Amino acid sequence: MVNKPLQEQINYLVDILQKNPYLKTILDSNPFPDDIRWYLGAGCICQSVWNFLSGKEITTGIKDYDLVYYDAGDISKDTETKEQRRIKTMFSSLLIDVEVINEARVHQWFKVDFGKRIDQFRSCENAIDDWPTTATAIGVNKMNGKINVYAPYGLNDLFGMVVRPNKPAVLKRVYEEKIEKWTKKWPNLKVIPWEQI
């Protein structure tokens, strides 16, 4: 599927994601009001694909499901916590960990967690642009019955099982931690060393 036309790649991606019952349930649930932009993204997307391409059970090794939204009108921790509780309750029957983040407030805690100051993201898409690897910088949502894919770096690295740092968005230590963890689960990944980018 590498180097195929983008729409063909998107259709293939959607077909794969529909095989993960947790992703399908979340996408079908319309978890936020229509005026709130949201995506399922990062590890749960790429790891579902890597599992499928590796012949593994599609949910194997997926630690959590990242559900991000964008609400710049209220960037308080309390409101985000309420949203986290609401979503966790909504999907409690799935017995998975759903991580909920308001991308409009990431700049408030990013430096404490990662040692680097960032500006406030302008949108969910702007946040996805800054996710740590090209294969994980993918967001998927479902609106008006249609699954939408946002993939600013394309889908070749995802389908090629290539792990490439999204410089300068990611710190070297964070990238190398991800490599160490992922190559244990998916030894057939093709890792691009930090120094080669």
N, C-alpha and C. Protein backbone atom coordinates (compact mmCIF):
# COMPACT_ATOMS: atom_id res chain seq x y z
N MET A 1 0.82 -1.20 0.00
CA MET A 1 0.00 0.00 0.00
C MET A 1 0.87 1.27 0.00
N VAL A 2 2.17 1.11 0.20
CA VAL A 2 3.09 2.25 0.15
C VAL A 2 3.11 2.82 -1.27
N ASN A 3 3.08 4.15 -1.34
CA ASN A 3 3.13 4.89 -2.61
C ASN A 3 1.90 4.71 -3.50
N LYS A 4 0.83 4.17 -2.95
CA LYS A 4 -0.43 4.12 -3.68
C LYS A 4 -1.09 5.50 -3.61
N PRO A 5 -2.07 5.79 -4.45
CA PRO A 5 -2.78 7.07 -4.37
C PRO A 5 -3.37 7.27 -2.97
N LEU A 6 -3.36 8.51 -2.49
CA LEU A 6 -3.77 8.79 -1.12
C LEU A 6 -5.18 8.30 -0.81
N GLN A 7 -6.12 8.51 -1.71
CA GLN A 7 -7.50 8.07 -1.42
C GLN A 7 -7.58 6.56 -1.27
N GLU A 8 -6.79 5.84 -2.07
CA GLU A 8 -6.75 4.37 -1.95
C GLU A 8 -6.17 3.98 -0.59
N GLN A 9 -5.15 4.69 -0.16
CA GLN A 9 -4.56 4.42 1.16
C GLN A 9 -5.56 4.71 2.28
N ILE A 10 -6.28 5.82 2.15
CA ILE A 10 -7.27 6.18 3.17
C ILE A 10 -8.36 5.11 3.25
N ASN A 11 -8.85 4.65 2.12
CA ASN A 11 -9.88 3.61 2.11
C ASN A 11 -9.38 2.34 2.78
N TYR A 12 -8.11 1.98 2.51
CA TYR A 12 -7.52 0.79 3.12
C TYR A 12 -7.38 0.97 4.63
N LEU A 13 -6.95 2.17 5.04
CA LEU A 13 -6.83 2.46 6.46
C LEU A 13 -8.18 2.32 7.16
N VAL A 14 -9.20 2.90 6.59
CA VAL A 14 -10.54 2.83 7.18
C VAL A 14 -11.01 1.38 7.29
N ASP A 15 -10.74 0.58 6.27
CA ASP A 15 -11.11 -0.85 6.31
C ASP A 15 -10.42 -1.55 7.47
N ILE A 16 -9.14 -1.25 7.68
CA ILE A 16 -8.40 -1.87 8.78
C ILE A 16 -8.96 -1.42 10.13
N LEU A 17 -9.18 -0.12 10.28
CA LEU A 17 -9.64 0.41 11.57
C LEU A 17 -11.01 -0.15 11.96
N GLN A 18 -11.85 -0.44 10.96
CA GLN A 18 -13.17 -1.01 11.24
C GLN A 18 -13.06 -2.42 11.85
N LYS A 19 -11.90 -3.05 11.70
CA LYS A 19 -11.69 -4.39 12.26
C LYS A 19 -11.39 -4.34 13.76
N ASN A 20 -10.99 -3.15 14.26
CA ASN A 20 -10.74 -2.99 15.70
C ASN A 20 -12.06 -2.59 16.35
N PRO A 21 -12.68 -3.49 17.13
CA PRO A 21 -14.01 -3.20 17.68
C PRO A 21 -14.03 -1.98 18.59
N TYR A 22 -12.92 -1.71 19.27
CA TYR A 22 -12.88 -0.55 20.17
C TYR A 22 -12.86 0.75 19.37
N LEU A 23 -12.03 0.79 18.34
CA LEU A 23 -12.00 1.98 17.47
C LEU A 23 -13.36 2.19 16.81
N LYS A 24 -13.95 1.13 16.32
CA LYS A 24 -15.23 1.23 15.63
C LYS A 24 -16.30 1.78 16.58
N THR A 25 -16.33 1.28 17.79
CA THR A 25 -17.34 1.74 18.77
C THR A 25 -17.16 3.21 19.09
N ILE A 26 -15.92 3.64 19.32
CA ILE A 26 -15.67 5.04 19.66
C ILE A 26 -16.02 5.94 18.48
N LEU A 27 -15.60 5.55 17.29
CA LEU A 27 -15.89 6.37 16.11
C LEU A 27 -17.39 6.48 15.85
N ASP A 28 -18.12 5.40 16.10
CA ASP A 28 -19.56 5.40 15.85
C ASP A 28 -20.37 6.13 16.91
N SER A 29 -19.72 6.49 18.02
CA SER A 29 -20.47 6.98 19.19
C SER A 29 -20.74 8.48 19.22
N ASN A 30 -20.08 9.25 18.34
CA ASN A 30 -20.22 10.70 18.36
C ASN A 30 -19.97 11.24 19.78
N PRO A 31 -18.73 11.14 20.28
CA PRO A 31 -18.44 11.43 21.69
C PRO A 31 -18.51 12.90 22.10
N PHE A 32 -18.52 13.83 21.13
CA PHE A 32 -18.55 15.26 21.46
C PHE A 32 -19.67 15.95 20.70
N PRO A 33 -20.14 17.10 21.22
CA PRO A 33 -21.13 17.88 20.48
C PRO A 33 -20.59 18.29 19.11
N ASP A 34 -21.49 18.62 18.20
CA ASP A 34 -21.10 18.92 16.82
C ASP A 34 -20.16 20.12 16.70
N ASP A 35 -20.19 21.03 17.67
CA ASP A 35 -19.34 22.22 17.56
C ASP A 35 -17.93 22.01 18.11
N ILE A 36 -17.64 20.81 18.62
CA ILE A 36 -16.32 20.50 19.16
C ILE A 36 -15.59 19.57 18.18
N ARG A 37 -14.42 20.01 17.75
CA ARG A 37 -13.60 19.20 16.84
C ARG A 37 -12.89 18.12 17.66
N TRP A 38 -12.87 16.88 17.18
CA TRP A 38 -12.23 15.79 17.91
C TRP A 38 -11.64 14.77 16.94
N TYR A 39 -10.70 13.99 17.47
CA TYR A 39 -10.10 12.89 16.71
C TYR A 39 -9.70 11.76 17.65
N LEU A 40 -9.76 10.56 17.16
CA LEU A 40 -9.04 9.42 17.74
C LEU A 40 -7.70 9.41 17.03
N GLY A 41 -6.62 9.21 17.75
CA GLY A 41 -5.36 9.28 17.04
C GLY A 41 -4.19 8.62 17.71
N ALA A 42 -3.04 8.84 17.08
CA ALA A 42 -1.73 8.41 17.58
C ALA A 42 -1.61 6.88 17.62
N GLY A 43 -1.20 6.36 18.79
CA GLY A 43 -0.84 4.95 18.89
C GLY A 43 -1.94 3.98 18.52
N CYS A 44 -3.18 4.27 18.91
CA CYS A 44 -4.25 3.30 18.64
C CYS A 44 -4.50 3.13 17.15
N ILE A 45 -4.21 4.17 16.37
CA ILE A 45 -4.37 4.07 14.92
C ILE A 45 -3.22 3.29 14.30
N CYS A 46 -1.99 3.77 14.54
CA CYS A 46 -0.85 3.12 13.88
C CYS A 46 -0.65 1.69 14.39
N GLN A 47 -0.91 1.46 15.65
CA GLN A 47 -0.67 0.12 16.19
C GLN A 47 -1.71 -0.88 15.71
N SER A 48 -2.94 -0.43 15.47
CA SER A 48 -3.94 -1.31 14.85
C SER A 48 -3.46 -1.73 13.46
N VAL A 49 -2.93 -0.77 12.70
CA VAL A 49 -2.42 -1.07 11.36
C VAL A 49 -1.22 -2.00 11.44
N TRP A 50 -0.28 -1.70 12.34
CA TRP A 50 0.91 -2.55 12.47
C TRP A 50 0.52 -3.97 12.87
N ASN A 51 -0.45 -4.11 13.76
CA ASN A 51 -0.92 -5.45 14.14
C ASN A 51 -1.49 -6.17 12.92
N PHE A 52 -2.33 -5.48 12.17
CA PHE A 52 -2.95 -6.08 10.99
C PHE A 52 -1.89 -6.52 9.99
N LEU A 53 -0.93 -5.63 9.72
CA LEU A 53 0.11 -5.94 8.74
C LEU A 53 1.06 -7.04 9.21
N SER A 54 1.15 -7.21 10.54
CA SER A 54 2.04 -8.22 11.12
C SER A 54 1.33 -9.54 11.35
N GLY A 55 0.03 -9.60 11.04
CA GLY A 55 -0.72 -10.84 11.25
C GLY A 55 -1.09 -11.10 12.69
N LYS A 56 -1.10 -10.04 13.52
CA LYS A 56 -1.47 -10.19 14.93
C LYS A 56 -2.95 -9.85 15.12
N GLU A 57 -3.48 -10.26 16.27
CA GLU A 57 -4.80 -9.81 16.68
C GLU A 57 -4.77 -8.28 16.70
N ILE A 58 -5.78 -7.64 16.14
CA ILE A 58 -5.70 -6.21 15.86
C ILE A 58 -5.59 -5.33 17.10
N THR A 59 -6.03 -5.81 18.26
CA THR A 59 -5.96 -4.99 19.48
C THR A 59 -4.72 -5.27 20.33
N THR A 60 -3.86 -6.18 19.88
CA THR A 60 -2.70 -6.59 20.67
C THR A 60 -1.76 -5.42 20.98
N GLY A 61 -1.38 -5.30 22.26
CA GLY A 61 -0.33 -4.36 22.65
C GLY A 61 -0.71 -2.90 22.64
N ILE A 62 -1.98 -2.58 22.40
CA ILE A 62 -2.40 -1.17 22.38
C ILE A 62 -2.72 -0.75 23.81
N LYS A 63 -1.88 0.13 24.33
CA LYS A 63 -1.97 0.52 25.75
C LYS A 63 -3.20 1.38 26.04
N ASP A 64 -3.48 2.31 25.14
CA ASP A 64 -4.63 3.18 25.36
C ASP A 64 -5.12 3.75 24.03
N TYR A 65 -6.25 4.38 24.10
CA TYR A 65 -6.89 4.97 22.93
C TYR A 65 -6.99 6.47 23.17
N ASP A 66 -6.24 7.24 22.37
CA ASP A 66 -6.16 8.69 22.55
C ASP A 66 -7.30 9.38 21.83
N LEU A 67 -8.13 10.06 22.61
CA LEU A 67 -9.26 10.81 22.08
C LEU A 67 -8.98 12.27 22.40
N VAL A 68 -8.71 13.06 21.37
CA VAL A 68 -8.36 14.46 21.59
C VAL A 68 -9.48 15.35 21.07
N TYR A 69 -9.63 16.49 21.72
CA TYR A 69 -10.62 17.46 21.27
C TYR A 69 -10.03 18.85 21.42
N TYR A 70 -10.72 19.84 20.87
CA TYR A 70 -10.20 21.20 20.94
C TYR A 70 -11.29 22.14 21.41
N ASP A 71 -11.06 22.71 22.62
CA ASP A 71 -11.99 23.70 23.18
C ASP A 71 -11.17 24.81 23.80
N ALA A 72 -10.90 25.87 23.02
CA ALA A 72 -10.12 27.00 23.52
C ALA A 72 -10.96 27.91 24.40
N GLY A 73 -12.26 27.72 24.39
CA GLY A 73 -13.14 28.54 25.22
C GLY A 73 -13.07 28.21 26.70
N ASP A 74 -12.59 27.01 27.01
CA ASP A 74 -12.44 26.60 28.42
C ASP A 74 -11.24 25.68 28.52
N ILE A 75 -10.11 26.23 28.96
CA ILE A 75 -8.89 25.42 29.04
C ILE A 75 -8.53 25.09 30.49
N SER A 76 -9.54 25.07 31.35
CA SER A 76 -9.28 24.73 32.76
C SER A 76 -9.07 23.23 32.90
N LYS A 77 -8.26 22.88 33.86
CA LYS A 77 -8.01 21.47 34.16
C LYS A 77 -9.30 20.80 34.65
N ASP A 78 -10.10 21.54 35.42
CA ASP A 78 -11.35 20.97 35.96
C ASP A 78 -12.29 20.53 34.84
N THR A 79 -12.43 21.37 33.82
CA THR A 79 -13.33 21.02 32.72
C THR A 79 -12.80 19.83 31.93
N GLU A 80 -11.49 19.81 31.70
CA GLU A 80 -10.91 18.66 31.01
C GLU A 80 -11.12 17.38 31.83
N THR A 81 -10.96 17.47 33.14
CA THR A 81 -11.17 16.31 34.01
C THR A 81 -12.61 15.82 33.94
N LYS A 82 -13.56 16.75 33.89
CA LYS A 82 -14.97 16.36 33.75
C LYS A 82 -15.20 15.64 32.43
N GLU A 83 -14.58 16.14 31.36
CA GLU A 83 -14.70 15.48 30.07
C GLU A 83 -14.08 14.08 30.11
N GLN A 84 -12.95 13.96 30.78
CA GLN A 84 -12.29 12.66 30.91
C GLN A 84 -13.21 11.67 31.62
N ARG A 85 -13.85 12.12 32.71
CA ARG A 85 -14.76 11.24 33.45
C ARG A 85 -15.96 10.85 32.60
N ARG A 86 -16.50 11.82 31.89
CA ARG A 86 -17.68 11.56 31.05
C ARG A 86 -17.36 10.52 29.97
N ILE A 87 -16.22 10.69 29.31
CA ILE A 87 -15.83 9.77 28.24
C ILE A 87 -15.51 8.39 28.80
N LYS A 88 -14.82 8.34 29.93
CA LYS A 88 -14.48 7.04 30.53
C LYS A 88 -15.76 6.29 30.90
N THR A 89 -16.75 7.01 31.43
CA THR A 89 -18.04 6.39 31.75
C THR A 89 -18.73 5.91 30.48
N MET A 90 -18.70 6.74 29.46
CA MET A 90 -19.34 6.42 28.18
C MET A 90 -18.81 5.11 27.59
N PHE A 91 -17.51 4.86 27.77
CA PHE A 91 -16.89 3.68 27.17
C PHE A 91 -16.44 2.65 28.21
N SER A 92 -17.02 2.71 29.40
CA SER A 92 -16.58 1.82 30.48
C SER A 92 -16.80 0.34 30.13
N SER A 93 -17.79 0.05 29.31
CA SER A 93 -18.06 -1.35 28.96
C SER A 93 -16.99 -1.94 28.04
N LEU A 94 -16.19 -1.09 27.42
CA LEU A 94 -15.16 -1.59 26.50
C LEU A 94 -13.94 -2.17 27.22
N LEU A 95 -13.79 -1.81 28.49
CA LEU A 95 -12.66 -2.31 29.29
C LEU A 95 -11.31 -1.96 28.66
N ILE A 96 -11.22 -0.72 28.15
CA ILE A 96 -9.96 -0.19 27.62
C ILE A 96 -9.71 1.16 28.28
N ASP A 97 -8.48 1.64 28.16
CA ASP A 97 -8.14 2.95 28.71
C ASP A 97 -8.28 3.98 27.60
N VAL A 98 -9.23 4.90 27.76
CA VAL A 98 -9.41 5.98 26.80
C VAL A 98 -8.82 7.25 27.41
N GLU A 99 -7.76 7.76 26.78
CA GLU A 99 -7.10 8.99 27.24
C GLU A 99 -7.77 10.18 26.54
N VAL A 100 -8.20 11.16 27.32
CA VAL A 100 -8.92 12.31 26.76
C VAL A 100 -8.12 13.58 27.03
N ILE A 101 -7.81 14.33 25.98
CA ILE A 101 -6.99 15.53 26.12
C ILE A 101 -7.60 16.68 25.34
N ASN A 102 -7.70 17.84 25.99
CA ASN A 102 -8.07 19.06 25.30
C ASN A 102 -6.78 19.67 24.75
N GLU A 103 -6.61 19.58 23.44
CA GLU A 103 -5.37 20.07 22.83
C GLU A 103 -5.18 21.57 23.01
N ALA A 104 -6.23 22.29 23.34
CA ALA A 104 -6.11 23.74 23.55
C ALA A 104 -5.38 24.09 24.83
N ARG A 105 -5.20 23.10 25.73
CA ARG A 105 -4.51 23.39 27.00
C ARG A 105 -3.18 22.64 27.17
N VAL A 106 -2.73 21.96 26.14
CA VAL A 106 -1.48 21.19 26.24
C VAL A 106 -0.29 22.09 26.58
N HIS A 107 -0.30 23.30 26.06
CA HIS A 107 0.83 24.21 26.32
C HIS A 107 0.99 24.52 27.81
N GLN A 108 -0.05 24.32 28.60
CA GLN A 108 0.02 24.61 30.03
C GLN A 108 0.86 23.59 30.80
N TRP A 109 0.91 22.36 30.31
CA TRP A 109 1.64 21.32 31.05
C TRP A 109 2.81 20.69 30.29
N PHE A 110 2.96 21.04 29.02
CA PHE A 110 3.97 20.36 28.19
C PHE A 110 5.39 20.55 28.73
N LYS A 111 5.71 21.75 29.15
CA LYS A 111 7.07 22.00 29.64
C LYS A 111 7.38 21.19 30.90
N VAL A 112 6.41 21.08 31.79
CA VAL A 112 6.61 20.31 33.03
C VAL A 112 6.84 18.84 32.69
N ASP A 113 6.07 18.31 31.76
CA ASP A 113 6.17 16.89 31.41
C ASP A 113 7.35 16.57 30.49
N PHE A 114 7.68 17.49 29.58
CA PHE A 114 8.67 17.17 28.55
C PHE A 114 9.86 18.13 28.49
N GLY A 115 9.86 19.16 29.33
CA GLY A 115 11.02 20.05 29.39
C GLY A 115 11.15 21.03 28.25
N LYS A 116 10.07 21.26 27.52
CA LYS A 116 10.12 22.14 26.36
C LYS A 116 8.86 23.00 26.33
N ARG A 117 9.03 24.31 26.17
CA ARG A 117 7.87 25.20 26.10
C ARG A 117 7.30 25.19 24.69
N ILE A 118 5.98 25.14 24.59
CA ILE A 118 5.33 25.23 23.28
C ILE A 118 4.24 26.30 23.33
N ASP A 119 3.90 26.81 22.17
CA ASP A 119 2.78 27.75 22.08
C ASP A 119 1.47 26.98 22.10
N GLN A 120 0.39 27.69 22.40
CA GLN A 120 -0.92 27.06 22.38
C GLN A 120 -1.25 26.59 20.96
N PHE A 121 -1.73 25.37 20.85
CA PHE A 121 -2.16 24.88 19.55
C PHE A 121 -3.39 25.66 19.09
N ARG A 122 -3.52 25.84 17.79
CA ARG A 122 -4.63 26.61 17.22
C ARG A 122 -5.82 25.72 16.87
N SER A 123 -5.61 24.41 16.85
CA SER A 123 -6.66 23.47 16.46
C SER A 123 -6.20 22.05 16.77
N CYS A 124 -7.10 21.10 16.65
CA CYS A 124 -6.72 19.68 16.77
C CYS A 124 -5.69 19.33 15.71
N GLU A 125 -5.93 19.82 14.50
CA GLU A 125 -5.03 19.50 13.39
C GLU A 125 -3.63 20.05 13.64
N ASN A 126 -3.55 21.25 14.18
CA ASN A 126 -2.26 21.85 14.52
C ASN A 126 -1.53 21.00 15.57
N ALA A 127 -2.28 20.44 16.51
CA ALA A 127 -1.68 19.56 17.52
C ALA A 127 -1.17 18.26 16.88
N ILE A 128 -1.96 17.67 16.00
CA ILE A 128 -1.55 16.43 15.34
C ILE A 128 -0.29 16.66 14.51
N ASP A 129 -0.16 17.84 13.92
CA ASP A 129 1.06 18.19 13.18
C ASP A 129 2.31 18.01 14.05
N ASP A 130 2.16 18.17 15.35
CA ASP A 130 3.28 18.12 16.30
C ASP A 130 3.41 16.79 17.04
N TRP A 131 2.65 15.79 16.67
CA TRP A 131 2.80 14.50 17.34
C TRP A 131 4.14 13.88 16.97
N PRO A 132 4.69 13.01 17.84
CA PRO A 132 6.12 12.70 17.81
C PRO A 132 6.69 11.93 16.62
N THR A 133 5.88 11.15 15.92
CA THR A 133 6.41 10.44 14.76
C THR A 133 5.46 10.62 13.58
N THR A 134 6.00 10.45 12.38
CA THR A 134 5.17 10.63 11.19
C THR A 134 4.07 9.56 11.10
N ALA A 135 4.35 8.37 11.58
CA ALA A 135 3.36 7.28 11.51
C ALA A 135 2.26 7.43 12.55
N THR A 136 2.53 8.17 13.62
CA THR A 136 1.50 8.36 14.65
C THR A 136 0.79 9.70 14.51
N ALA A 137 1.27 10.56 13.64
CA ALA A 137 0.63 11.87 13.44
C ALA A 137 -0.57 11.69 12.51
N ILE A 138 -1.55 10.97 13.02
CA ILE A 138 -2.75 10.65 12.25
C ILE A 138 -3.96 10.76 13.18
N GLY A 139 -4.97 11.46 12.73
CA GLY A 139 -6.21 11.56 13.48
C GLY A 139 -7.37 11.08 12.63
N VAL A 140 -8.32 10.42 13.27
CA VAL A 140 -9.48 9.88 12.57
C VAL A 140 -10.73 10.25 13.36
N ASN A 141 -11.75 10.76 12.67
CA ASN A 141 -13.03 10.98 13.33
C ASN A 141 -14.15 10.55 12.40
N LYS A 142 -15.37 10.62 12.91
CA LYS A 142 -16.54 10.28 12.09
C LYS A 142 -17.57 11.37 12.28
N MET A 143 -17.90 12.05 11.19
CA MET A 143 -18.87 13.13 11.24
C MET A 143 -19.86 12.96 10.09
N ASN A 144 -21.12 13.12 10.42
CA ASN A 144 -22.19 12.96 9.41
C ASN A 144 -22.09 11.62 8.69
N GLY A 145 -21.74 10.60 9.46
CA GLY A 145 -21.68 9.24 8.91
C GLY A 145 -20.45 8.92 8.08
N LYS A 146 -19.52 9.87 7.97
CA LYS A 146 -18.33 9.67 7.14
C LYS A 146 -17.07 9.69 8.00
N ILE A 147 -16.20 8.71 7.80
CA ILE A 147 -14.93 8.69 8.51
C ILE A 147 -13.95 9.61 7.80
N ASN A 148 -13.34 10.49 8.57
CA ASN A 148 -12.38 11.47 8.05
C ASN A 148 -11.00 11.16 8.60
N VAL A 149 -9.98 11.32 7.77
CA VAL A 149 -8.60 11.05 8.17
C VAL A 149 -7.79 12.32 7.98
N TYR A 150 -7.06 12.69 9.05
CA TYR A 150 -6.11 13.80 8.95
C TYR A 150 -4.72 13.22 9.13
N ALA A 151 -3.90 13.29 8.09
CA ALA A 151 -2.56 12.70 8.11
C ALA A 151 -1.59 13.67 7.43
N PRO A 152 -1.06 14.64 8.19
CA PRO A 152 -0.24 15.69 7.57
C PRO A 152 1.03 15.19 6.91
N TYR A 153 1.53 14.01 7.28
CA TYR A 153 2.75 13.48 6.67
C TYR A 153 2.46 12.29 5.76
N GLY A 154 1.20 12.15 5.40
CA GLY A 154 0.81 11.06 4.53
C GLY A 154 0.72 9.73 5.28
N LEU A 155 0.56 8.65 4.52
CA LEU A 155 0.36 7.32 5.12
C LEU A 155 1.43 6.32 4.71
N ASN A 156 2.45 6.75 3.96
CA ASN A 156 3.49 5.82 3.53
C ASN A 156 4.27 5.23 4.69
N ASP A 157 4.64 6.06 5.67
CA ASP A 157 5.38 5.53 6.82
C ASP A 157 4.52 4.57 7.63
N LEU A 158 3.25 4.88 7.76
CA LEU A 158 2.34 3.99 8.49
C LEU A 158 2.30 2.62 7.83
N PHE A 159 2.03 2.57 6.53
CA PHE A 159 1.91 1.29 5.84
C PHE A 159 3.26 0.62 5.60
N GLY A 160 4.32 1.41 5.55
CA GLY A 160 5.66 0.84 5.42
C GLY A 160 6.25 0.40 6.74
N MET A 161 5.49 0.62 7.85
CA MET A 161 5.94 0.30 9.22
C MET A 161 7.27 0.99 9.52
N VAL A 162 7.34 2.25 9.11
CA VAL A 162 8.53 3.07 9.32
C VAL A 162 8.31 3.99 10.51
N VAL A 163 9.26 3.98 11.44
CA VAL A 163 9.21 4.90 12.57
C VAL A 163 10.23 6.00 12.32
N ARG A 164 9.72 7.22 12.14
CA ARG A 164 10.54 8.36 11.78
C ARG A 164 10.22 9.51 12.73
N PRO A 165 11.23 10.17 13.32
CA PRO A 165 10.92 11.27 14.25
C PRO A 165 10.32 12.46 13.51
N ASN A 166 9.37 13.09 14.15
CA ASN A 166 8.77 14.31 13.62
C ASN A 166 9.51 15.50 14.23
N LYS A 167 10.68 15.77 13.68
CA LYS A 167 11.48 16.89 14.18
C LYS A 167 10.90 18.19 13.62
N PRO A 168 10.98 19.28 14.37
CA PRO A 168 11.51 19.42 15.73
C PRO A 168 10.45 19.23 16.81
N ALA A 169 9.30 18.64 16.45
CA ALA A 169 8.21 18.53 17.42
C ALA A 169 8.54 17.61 18.59
N VAL A 170 9.33 16.57 18.36
CA VAL A 170 9.60 15.58 19.40
C VAL A 170 11.02 15.73 19.95
N LEU A 171 11.17 15.43 21.23
CA LEU A 171 12.49 15.41 21.85
C LEU A 171 13.15 14.05 21.57
N LYS A 172 14.47 14.06 21.46
CA LYS A 172 15.21 12.83 21.15
C LYS A 172 14.93 11.73 22.18
N ARG A 173 14.91 12.08 23.44
CA ARG A 173 14.70 11.08 24.49
C ARG A 173 13.31 10.45 24.36
N VAL A 174 12.29 11.25 24.06
CA VAL A 174 10.93 10.74 23.90
C VAL A 174 10.87 9.79 22.71
N TYR A 175 11.50 10.19 21.62
CA TYR A 175 11.52 9.35 20.41
C TYR A 175 12.19 8.00 20.70
N GLU A 176 13.33 8.04 21.38
CA GLU A 176 14.07 6.81 21.64
C GLU A 176 13.34 5.90 22.62
N GLU A 177 12.59 6.49 23.54
CA GLU A 177 11.77 5.68 24.46
C GLU A 177 10.68 4.94 23.67
N LYS A 178 10.10 5.64 22.71
CA LYS A 178 9.05 5.01 21.90
C LYS A 178 9.64 3.88 21.06
N ILE A 179 10.80 4.10 20.47
CA ILE A 179 11.46 3.06 19.67
C ILE A 179 11.69 1.80 20.51
N GLU A 180 12.23 2.01 21.70
CA GLU A 180 12.54 0.86 22.56
C GLU A 180 11.29 0.05 22.88
N LYS A 181 10.22 0.75 23.19
CA LYS A 181 8.96 0.10 23.55
C LYS A 181 8.33 -0.59 22.34
N TRP A 182 8.28 0.12 21.21
CA TRP A 182 7.58 -0.40 20.04
C TRP A 182 8.30 -1.56 19.37
N THR A 183 9.62 -1.51 19.31
CA THR A 183 10.34 -2.59 18.62
C THR A 183 10.25 -3.92 19.37
N LYS A 184 9.94 -3.86 20.65
CA LYS A 184 9.70 -5.10 21.40
C LYS A 184 8.37 -5.73 20.99
N LYS A 185 7.39 -4.91 20.69
CA LYS A 185 6.07 -5.40 20.30
C LYS A 185 5.99 -5.71 18.81
N TRP A 186 6.66 -4.89 18.00
CA TRP A 186 6.63 -5.04 16.54
C TRP A 186 8.07 -5.04 16.01
N PRO A 187 8.76 -6.18 16.13
CA PRO A 187 10.19 -6.23 15.76
C PRO A 187 10.44 -5.98 14.27
N ASN A 188 9.41 -6.04 13.44
CA ASN A 188 9.58 -5.80 12.01
C ASN A 188 9.49 -4.31 11.63
N LEU A 189 9.41 -3.42 12.62
CA LEU A 189 9.42 -1.98 12.33
C LEU A 189 10.75 -1.57 11.73
N LYS A 190 10.70 -0.61 10.82
CA LYS A 190 11.92 -0.04 10.24
C LYS A 190 12.16 1.31 10.92
N VAL A 191 13.16 1.36 11.78
CA VAL A 191 13.41 2.55 12.59
C VAL A 191 14.41 3.47 11.90
N ILE A 192 14.06 4.72 11.76
CA ILE A 192 14.97 5.74 11.24
C ILE A 192 15.66 6.38 12.44
N PRO A 193 16.97 6.22 12.57
CA PRO A 193 17.67 6.80 13.72
C PRO A 193 17.52 8.33 13.77
N TRP A 194 17.51 8.84 14.96
CA TRP A 194 17.36 10.29 15.19
C TRP A 194 18.35 11.10 14.36
N GLU A 195 19.59 10.63 14.33
CA GLU A 195 20.66 11.38 13.67
C GLU A 195 20.50 11.44 12.14
N GLN A 196 19.69 10.57 11.58
CA GLN A 196 19.54 10.54 10.11
C GLN A 196 18.48 11.49 9.59
N ILE A 197 17.81 12.20 10.47
CA ILE A 197 16.77 13.14 10.03
C ILE A 197 17.31 14.56 10.13
